[in-house]
Amino acid sequence: MKFQIKINSILTVDEIREYWTSEDYIQLLEKFDYPDAEKAPKETLRELLLMAITDFEPQEAAVKVLEYKLSDHLADGQIQQISNDMLLDKVCEEYPEIGLQSTLFHVNQLLFKAFNGKFPDAKASVIDCSIARVDKKPNPVLTKEDILKLFSVGLSDRSLLERLFEPQMKTEIDFPEAENILWDVKASEDNNFSITTSEYWLKEEDFEFSEFESELNQKEAES
């Protein structure tokens, strides 16, 4: 099944505001000892949190945010280690468990904003593209794995994805990592897609072509 892919734009961003909800801000404000956070106007919650965070040392603040987001996934010792490492390196890019990288990005960037650069500045990519069947028939439901396999034709051999996952990208081998490499995929009825991922995995210079044809075999297209 052949597809025509067109990369319309790739936007580099340093935060994804909609990730954090008002409830997140309220819960975090309580962790940072801000009283009666639930009574504050919603539009002020983020700024209140950024100010409350800076009442603590950066490493201590990192522990609090990491505990809030990842205490179900990480032991106390791991959180302590990551909170130290975050001040030196982009842990959200290097952490070996890919499934936690997106959450670590959002935590890192909240702390980066609060402390005005004391944490490394990580980036995300928002890819706007169209993916449509060459025969003009309706698209099947495309999974994150399908999308990355389709992208492979347009990527440089020097791209990180091609270097680390070439067999998965170019063959029928299962690619479970794709589910966490792409953080979010929004599809519209006109075959346009908005895809969010780490700049570490995909950025503008990784694409050799902005328009190209790519093919999924029937098994992949029906997955």
C-alpha atoms as a PDB file:
ATOM      1  CA  MET A   1       0.000   0.000   0.000  1.00  0.00           C
ATOM      2  CA  LYS A   2       1.693   3.202  -1.201  1.00  0.00           C
ATOM      3  CA  PHE A   3       1.406   6.563   0.541  1.00  0.00           C
ATOM      4  CA  GLN A   4       2.356  10.092  -0.416  1.00  0.00           C
ATOM      5  CA  ILE A   5       3.936  11.950   2.492  1.00  0.00           C
ATOM      6  CA  LYS A   6       4.410  15.696   2.583  1.00  0.00           C
ATOM      7  CA  ILE A   7       6.198  17.375   5.491  1.00  0.00           C
ATOM      8  CA  ASN A   8       4.542  20.785   5.743  1.00  0.00           C
ATOM      9  CA  SER A   9       6.491  22.118   8.715  1.00  0.00           C
ATOM     10  CA  ILE A  10       8.534  21.057  11.713  1.00  0.00           C
ATOM     11  CA  LEU A  11       8.253  23.420  14.654  1.00  0.00           C
ATOM     12  CA  THR A  12      10.800  23.293  17.465  1.00  0.00           C
ATOM     13  CA  VAL A  13       9.287  24.107  20.873  1.00  0.00           C
ATOM     14  CA  ASP A  14      10.609  24.177  24.419  1.00  0.00           C
ATOM     15  CA  GLU A  15       7.343  23.309  26.140  1.00  0.00           C
ATOM     16  CA  ILE A  16       3.902  21.889  25.506  1.00  0.00           C
ATOM     17  CA  ARG A  17       1.632  23.987  27.704  1.00  0.00           C
ATOM     18  CA  GLU A  18      -1.441  21.775  27.360  1.00  0.00           C
ATOM     19  CA  TYR A  19       0.405  18.873  29.017  1.00  0.00           C
ATOM     20  CA  TRP A  20      -0.108  20.393  32.463  1.00  0.00           C
ATOM     21  CA  THR A  21      -3.693  20.713  33.681  1.00  0.00           C
ATOM     22  CA  SER A  22      -5.122  23.076  36.283  1.00  0.00           C
ATOM     23  CA  GLU A  23      -5.394  20.096  38.634  1.00  0.00           C
ATOM     24  CA  ASP A  24      -1.686  19.374  38.124  1.00  0.00           C
ATOM     25  CA  TYR A  25      -0.832  22.946  39.040  1.00  0.00           C
ATOM     26  CA  ILE A  26      -3.019  22.815  42.161  1.00  0.00           C
ATOM     27  CA  GLN A  27      -1.518  19.522  43.320  1.00  0.00           C
ATOM     28  CA  LEU A  28       2.010  20.754  42.696  1.00  0.00           C
ATOM     29  CA  LEU A  29       1.367  24.046  44.467  1.00  0.00           C
ATOM     30  CA  GLU A  30       0.353  22.050  47.521  1.00  0.00           C
ATOM     31  CA  LYS A  31       3.592  20.056  47.304  1.00  0.00           C
ATOM     32  CA  PHE A  32       5.459  23.369  47.220  1.00  0.00           C
ATOM     33  CA  ASP A  33       3.639  24.588  50.336  1.00  0.00           C
ATOM     34  CA  TYR A  34       1.443  27.155  48.609  1.00  0.00           C
ATOM     35  CA  PRO A  35      -1.755  27.501  50.693  1.00  0.00           C
ATOM     36  CA  ASP A  36      -5.284  27.357  49.264  1.00  0.00           C
ATOM     37  CA  ALA A  37      -4.151  26.826  45.683  1.00  0.00           C
ATOM     38  CA  GLU A  38      -7.600  25.615  44.692  1.00  0.00           C
ATOM     39  CA  LYS A  39      -8.982  29.104  45.415  1.00  0.00           C
ATOM     40  CA  ALA A  40      -6.610  30.852  43.000  1.00  0.00           C
ATOM     41  CA  PRO A  41      -7.900  31.890  39.530  1.00  0.00           C
ATOM     42  CA  LYS A  42      -7.060  29.205  36.994  1.00  0.00           C
ATOM     43  CA  GLU A  43      -5.235  31.619  34.727  1.00  0.00           C
ATOM     44  CA  THR A  44      -2.759  32.426  37.526  1.00  0.00           C
ATOM     45  CA  LEU A  45      -1.929  28.874  38.590  1.00  0.00           C
ATOM     46  CA  ARG A  46       1.050  28.378  36.312  1.00  0.00           C
ATOM     47  CA  GLU A  47       2.795  31.607  37.304  1.00  0.00           C
ATOM     48  CA  LEU A  48       2.070  30.942  40.968  1.00  0.00           C
ATOM     49  CA  LEU A  49       3.665  27.511  40.631  1.00  0.00           C
ATOM     50  CA  LEU A  50       6.751  28.845  38.877  1.00  0.00           C
ATOM     51  CA  MET A  51       7.232  31.319  41.727  1.00  0.00           C
ATOM     52  CA  ALA A  52       6.570  28.701  44.415  1.00  0.00           C
ATOM     53  CA  ILE A  53       9.110  26.323  42.862  1.00  0.00           C
ATOM     54  CA  THR A  54      11.895  28.888  43.183  1.00  0.00           C
ATOM     55  CA  ASP A  55      11.469  29.004  46.963  1.00  0.00           C
ATOM     56  CA  PHE A  56      13.296  25.670  46.954  1.00  0.00           C
ATOM     57  CA  GLU A  57      16.744  24.620  45.804  1.00  0.00           C
ATOM     58  CA  PRO A  58      16.745  23.300  42.219  1.00  0.00           C
ATOM     59  CA  GLN A  59      17.531  19.700  43.144  1.00  0.00           C
ATOM     60  CA  GLU A  60      14.904  19.673  45.903  1.00  0.00           C
ATOM     61  CA  ALA A  61      12.342  21.148  43.524  1.00  0.00           C
ATOM     62  CA  ALA A  62      13.180  18.499  40.926  1.00  0.00           C
ATOM     63  CA  VAL A  63      12.539  15.768  43.494  1.00  0.00           C
ATOM     64  CA  LYS A  64       9.100  17.181  44.270  1.00  0.00           C
ATOM     65  CA  VAL A  65       7.995  17.368  40.635  1.00  0.00           C
ATOM     66  CA  LEU A  66       9.469  13.949  39.837  1.00  0.00           C
ATOM     67  CA  GLU A  67       7.691  12.429  42.831  1.00  0.00           C
ATOM     68  CA  TYR A  68       4.413  13.928  41.675  1.00  0.00           C
ATOM     69  CA  LYS A  69       4.726  12.578  38.123  1.00  0.00           C
ATOM     70  CA  LEU A  70       6.768   9.399  38.451  1.00  0.00           C
ATOM     71  CA  SER A  71       6.559   7.968  41.975  1.00  0.00           C
ATOM     72  CA  ASP A  72       4.577   5.025  40.569  1.00  0.00           C
ATOM     73  CA  HIS A  73       7.401   4.211  38.145  1.00  0.00           C
ATOM     74  CA  LEU A  74      10.604   5.104  39.968  1.00  0.00           C
ATOM     75  CA  ALA A  75      12.036   4.232  43.381  1.00  0.00           C
ATOM     76  CA  ASP A  76      13.108   6.991  45.757  1.00  0.00           C
ATOM     77  CA  GLY A  77      16.771   6.372  44.965  1.00  0.00           C
ATOM     78  CA  GLN A  78      16.130   6.665  41.237  1.00  0.00           C
ATOM     79  CA  ILE A  79      14.288   9.950  41.734  1.00  0.00           C
ATOM     80  CA  GLN A  80      17.154  11.324  43.815  1.00  0.00           C
ATOM     81  CA  GLN A  81      19.663  10.315  41.146  1.00  0.00           C
ATOM     82  CA  ILE A  82      17.621  11.783  38.286  1.00  0.00           C
ATOM     83  CA  SER A  83      17.080  15.030  40.209  1.00  0.00           C
ATOM     84  CA  ASN A  84      20.849  15.449  40.420  1.00  0.00           C
ATOM     85  CA  ASP A  85      21.510  14.373  36.845  1.00  0.00           C
ATOM     86  CA  MET A  86      18.872  16.768  35.482  1.00  0.00           C
ATOM     87  CA  LEU A  87      20.967  19.745  36.498  1.00  0.00           C
ATOM     88  CA  LEU A  88      23.836  18.541  34.321  1.00  0.00           C
ATOM     89  CA  ASP A  89      22.370  16.650  31.372  1.00  0.00           C
ATOM     90  CA  LYS A  90      19.238  16.272  29.278  1.00  0.00           C
ATOM     91  CA  VAL A  91      18.044  13.193  31.122  1.00  0.00           C
ATOM     92  CA  CYS A  92      14.810  13.281  29.114  1.00  0.00           C
ATOM     93  CA  GLU A  93      16.843  12.413  26.013  1.00  0.00           C
ATOM     94  CA  GLU A  94      19.250   9.947  27.553  1.00  0.00           C
ATOM     95  CA  TYR A  95      17.058   7.964  29.941  1.00  0.00           C
ATOM     96  CA  PRO A  96      17.174   4.316  28.812  1.00  0.00           C
ATOM     97  CA  GLU A  97      13.478   3.642  29.455  1.00  0.00           C
ATOM     98  CA  ILE A  98      11.985   5.373  26.415  1.00  0.00           C
ATOM     99  CA  GLY A  99       8.497   5.266  27.915  1.00  0.00           C
ATOM    100  CA  LEU A 100       9.515   7.801  30.572  1.00  0.00           C
ATOM    101  CA  GLN A 101      11.308  10.257  28.283  1.00  0.00           C
ATOM    102  CA  SER A 102       8.252  12.352  27.435  1.00  0.00           C
ATOM    103  CA  THR A 103       7.298  12.830  31.093  1.00  0.00           C
ATOM    104  CA  LEU A 104      10.899  13.682  31.937  1.00  0.00           C
ATOM    105  CA  PHE A 105      10.844  16.290  29.159  1.00  0.00           C
ATOM    106  CA  HIS A 106       7.777  18.009  30.604  1.00  0.00           C
ATOM    107  CA  VAL A 107       9.246  17.926  34.130  1.00  0.00           C
ATOM    108  CA  ASN A 108      12.587  19.244  32.895  1.00  0.00           C
ATOM    109  CA  GLN A 109      11.040  22.134  31.001  1.00  0.00           C
ATOM    110  CA  LEU A 110       8.800  23.189  33.879  1.00  0.00           C
ATOM    111  CA  LEU A 111      11.910  23.384  36.052  1.00  0.00           C
ATOM    112  CA  PHE A 112      13.869  25.104  33.255  1.00  0.00           C
ATOM    113  CA  LYS A 113      11.210  27.831  33.070  1.00  0.00           C
ATOM    114  CA  ALA A 114      11.020  28.230  36.848  1.00  0.00           C
ATOM    115  CA  PHE A 115      14.770  28.481  37.397  1.00  0.00           C
ATOM    116  CA  ASN A 116      15.523  30.544  34.284  1.00  0.00           C
ATOM    117  CA  GLY A 117      17.975  28.156  32.706  1.00  0.00           C
ATOM    118  CA  LYS A 118      19.616  26.322  35.616  1.00  0.00           C
ATOM    119  CA  PHE A 119      18.351  23.113  34.032  1.00  0.00           C
ATOM    120  CA  PRO A 120      19.410  22.200  30.458  1.00  0.00           C
ATOM    121  CA  ASP A 121      16.944  23.345  27.807  1.00  0.00           C
ATOM    122  CA  ALA A 122      15.431  20.375  25.954  1.00  0.00           C
ATOM    123  CA  LYS A 123      13.328  20.701  22.815  1.00  0.00           C
ATOM    124  CA  ALA A 124      10.370  18.956  21.243  1.00  0.00           C
ATOM    125  CA  SER A 125       9.391  18.763  17.573  1.00  0.00           C
ATOM    126  CA  VAL A 126       5.857  19.303  16.322  1.00  0.00           C
ATOM    127  CA  ILE A 127       5.614  17.855  12.812  1.00  0.00           C
ATOM    128  CA  ASP A 128       2.762  18.963  10.584  1.00  0.00           C
ATOM    129  CA  CYS A 129       2.412  16.601   7.630  1.00  0.00           C
ATOM    130  CA  SER A 130      -0.001  14.898   5.291  1.00  0.00           C
ATOM    131  CA  ILE A 131      -0.070  11.137   4.749  1.00  0.00           C
ATOM    132  CA  ALA A 132      -2.431   9.949   2.026  1.00  0.00           C
ATOM    133  CA  ARG A 133      -2.782   6.818  -0.038  1.00  0.00           C
ATOM    134  CA  VAL A 134      -1.490   7.216  -3.591  1.00  0.00           C
ATOM    135  CA  ASP A 135      -4.598   5.453  -4.943  1.00  0.00           C
ATOM    136  CA  LYS A 136      -6.782   8.119  -3.232  1.00  0.00           C
ATOM    137  CA  LYS A 137      -8.641   5.514  -1.176  1.00  0.00           C
ATOM    138  CA  PRO A 138      -9.329   6.222   2.515  1.00  0.00           C
ATOM    139  CA  ASN A 139      -6.411   5.755   4.845  1.00  0.00           C
ATOM    140  CA  PRO A 140      -6.366   2.783   7.177  1.00  0.00           C
ATOM    141  CA  VAL A 141      -5.822   3.630  10.836  1.00  0.00           C
ATOM    142  CA  LEU A 142      -2.120   4.416  10.989  1.00  0.00           C
ATOM    143  CA  THR A 143      -0.303   3.492  14.186  1.00  0.00           C
ATOM    144  CA  LYS A 144       2.790   5.272  15.466  1.00  0.00           C
ATOM    145  CA  GLU A 145       4.811   2.324  14.203  1.00  0.00           C
ATOM    146  CA  ASP A 146       3.261   2.685  10.738  1.00  0.00           C
ATOM    147  CA  ILE A 147       4.083   6.394  10.649  1.00  0.00           C
ATOM    148  CA  LEU A 148       7.737   5.916  11.564  1.00  0.00           C
ATOM    149  CA  LYS A 149       8.130   3.150   8.982  1.00  0.00           C
ATOM    150  CA  LEU A 150       6.576   5.443   6.361  1.00  0.00           C
ATOM    151  CA  PHE A 151       8.923   8.276   7.377  1.00  0.00           C
ATOM    152  CA  SER A 152      11.969   6.071   6.862  1.00  0.00           C
ATOM    153  CA  VAL A 153      12.141   6.748   3.111  1.00  0.00           C
ATOM    154  CA  GLY A 154      12.414  10.492   3.717  1.00  0.00           C
ATOM    155  CA  LEU A 155      14.983  10.353   6.506  1.00  0.00           C
ATOM    156  CA  SER A 156      18.716  10.739   6.194  1.00  0.00           C
ATOM    157  CA  ASP A 157      20.813   7.665   6.985  1.00  0.00           C
ATOM    158  CA  ARG A 158      22.528   9.894   9.536  1.00  0.00           C
ATOM    159  CA  SER A 159      19.346  10.406  11.556  1.00  0.00           C
ATOM    160  CA  LEU A 160      19.345   8.880  15.020  1.00  0.00           C
ATOM    161  CA  LEU A 161      16.261   6.770  14.321  1.00  0.00           C
ATOM    162  CA  GLU A 162      17.840   5.237  11.236  1.00  0.00           C
ATOM    163  CA  ARG A 163      21.083   4.546  13.077  1.00  0.00           C
ATOM    164  CA  LEU A 164      19.485   2.978  16.167  1.00  0.00           C
ATOM    165  CA  PHE A 165      16.442   1.283  14.654  1.00  0.00           C
ATOM    166  CA  GLU A 166      17.259   0.651  10.993  1.00  0.00           C
ATOM    167  CA  PRO A 167      15.867  -2.924  10.885  1.00  0.00           C
ATOM    168  CA  GLN A 168      12.625  -1.861  12.580  1.00  0.00           C
ATOM    169  CA  MET A 169      12.274   1.229  10.382  1.00  0.00           C
ATOM    170  CA  LYS A 170      12.966  -0.478   7.047  1.00  0.00           C
ATOM    171  CA  THR A 171      11.540  -3.986   7.421  1.00  0.00           C
ATOM    172  CA  GLU A 172       8.488  -5.798   8.786  1.00  0.00           C
ATOM    173  CA  ILE A 173      10.166  -6.319  12.174  1.00  0.00           C
ATOM    174  CA  ASP A 174       7.921  -5.201  15.039  1.00  0.00           C
ATOM    175  CA  PHE A 175       8.788  -1.752  16.371  1.00  0.00           C
ATOM    176  CA  PRO A 176       7.227  -1.438  19.855  1.00  0.00           C
ATOM    177  CA  GLU A 177       9.523   1.478  20.749  1.00  0.00           C
ATOM    178  CA  ALA A 178       7.591   3.623  18.250  1.00  0.00           C
ATOM    179  CA  GLU A 179       4.730   3.942  20.739  1.00  0.00           C
ATOM    180  CA  ASN A 180       6.942   6.000  23.050  1.00  0.00           C
ATOM    181  CA  ILE A 181       9.211   7.646  20.473  1.00  0.00           C
ATOM    182  CA  LEU A 182       6.189   9.513  19.111  1.00  0.00           C
ATOM    183  CA  TRP A 183       4.512  11.196  22.070  1.00  0.00           C
ATOM    184  CA  ASP A 184       1.292  12.266  20.403  1.00  0.00           C
ATOM    185  CA  VAL A 185      -0.360  11.859  17.007  1.00  0.00           C
ATOM    186  CA  LYS A 186      -3.446  13.832  16.008  1.00  0.00           C
ATOM    187  CA  ALA A 187      -5.069  12.962  12.685  1.00  0.00           C
ATOM    188  CA  SER A 188      -7.690  15.005  10.857  1.00  0.00           C
ATOM    189  CA  GLU A 189     -10.215  13.865   8.260  1.00  0.00           C
ATOM    190  CA  ASP A 190      -8.218  15.384   5.390  1.00  0.00           C
ATOM    191  CA  ASN A 191      -5.201  13.112   6.078  1.00  0.00           C
ATOM    192  CA  ASN A 192      -3.268  15.820   7.908  1.00  0.00           C
ATOM    193  CA  PHE A 193      -1.315  14.821  10.989  1.00  0.00           C
ATOM    194  CA  SER A 194       0.184  16.728  13.885  1.00  0.00           C
ATOM    195  CA  ILE A 195       2.929  14.650  15.487  1.00  0.00           C
ATOM    196  CA  THR A 196       4.787  15.531  18.685  1.00  0.00           C
ATOM    197  CA  THR A 197       8.095  13.952  19.624  1.00  0.00           C
ATOM    198  CA  SER A 198      11.464  14.845  21.096  1.00  0.00           C
ATOM    199  CA  GLU A 199      13.855  16.846  18.942  1.00  0.00           C
ATOM    200  CA  TYR A 200      16.314  14.148  19.994  1.00  0.00           C
ATOM    201  CA  TRP A 201      14.404  11.637  17.855  1.00  0.00           C
ATOM    202  CA  LEU A 202      13.220  13.787  14.951  1.00  0.00           C
ATOM    203  CA  LYS A 203      14.126  17.279  13.806  1.00  0.00           C
ATOM    204  CA  GLU A 204      13.995  19.184  10.548  1.00  0.00           C
ATOM    205  CA  GLU A 205      17.501  18.315   9.397  1.00  0.00           C
ATOM    206  CA  ASP A 206      16.770  14.584   9.787  1.00  0.00           C
ATOM    207  CA  PHE A 207      14.528  14.718   6.709  1.00  0.00           C
ATOM    208  CA  GLU A 208      16.298  14.593   3.358  1.00  0.00           C
ATOM    209  CA  PHE A 209      13.026  15.095   1.499  1.00  0.00           C
ATOM    210  CA  SER A 210       9.912  17.078   2.304  1.00  0.00           C
ATOM    211  CA  GLU A 211       7.794  15.086  -0.155  1.00  0.00           C
ATOM    212  CA  PHE A 212       8.184  11.402  -0.895  1.00  0.00           C
ATOM    213  CA  GLU A 213       6.337   8.152  -1.490  1.00  0.00           C
ATOM    214  CA  SER A 214       6.578   5.294   0.956  1.00  0.00           C
ATOM    215  CA  GLU A 215       5.019   1.870   1.254  1.00  0.00           C
ATOM    216  CA  LEU A 216       3.502  -0.265   3.986  1.00  0.00           C
ATOM    217  CA  ASN A 217       2.901  -3.932   3.389  1.00  0.00           C
ATOM    218  CA  GLN A 218      -0.598  -5.214   4.012  1.00  0.00           C
ATOM    219  CA  LYS A 219       0.252  -6.648   7.443  1.00  0.00           C
ATOM    220  CA  GLU A 220       1.597  -3.295   8.635  1.00  0.00           C
ATOM    221  CA  ALA A 221      -1.275  -1.321   7.142  1.00  0.00           C
ATOM    222  CA  GLU A 222      -3.831  -3.462   8.946  1.00  0.00           C
ATOM    223  CA  SER A 223      -2.033  -3.361  12.293  1.00  0.00           C
END
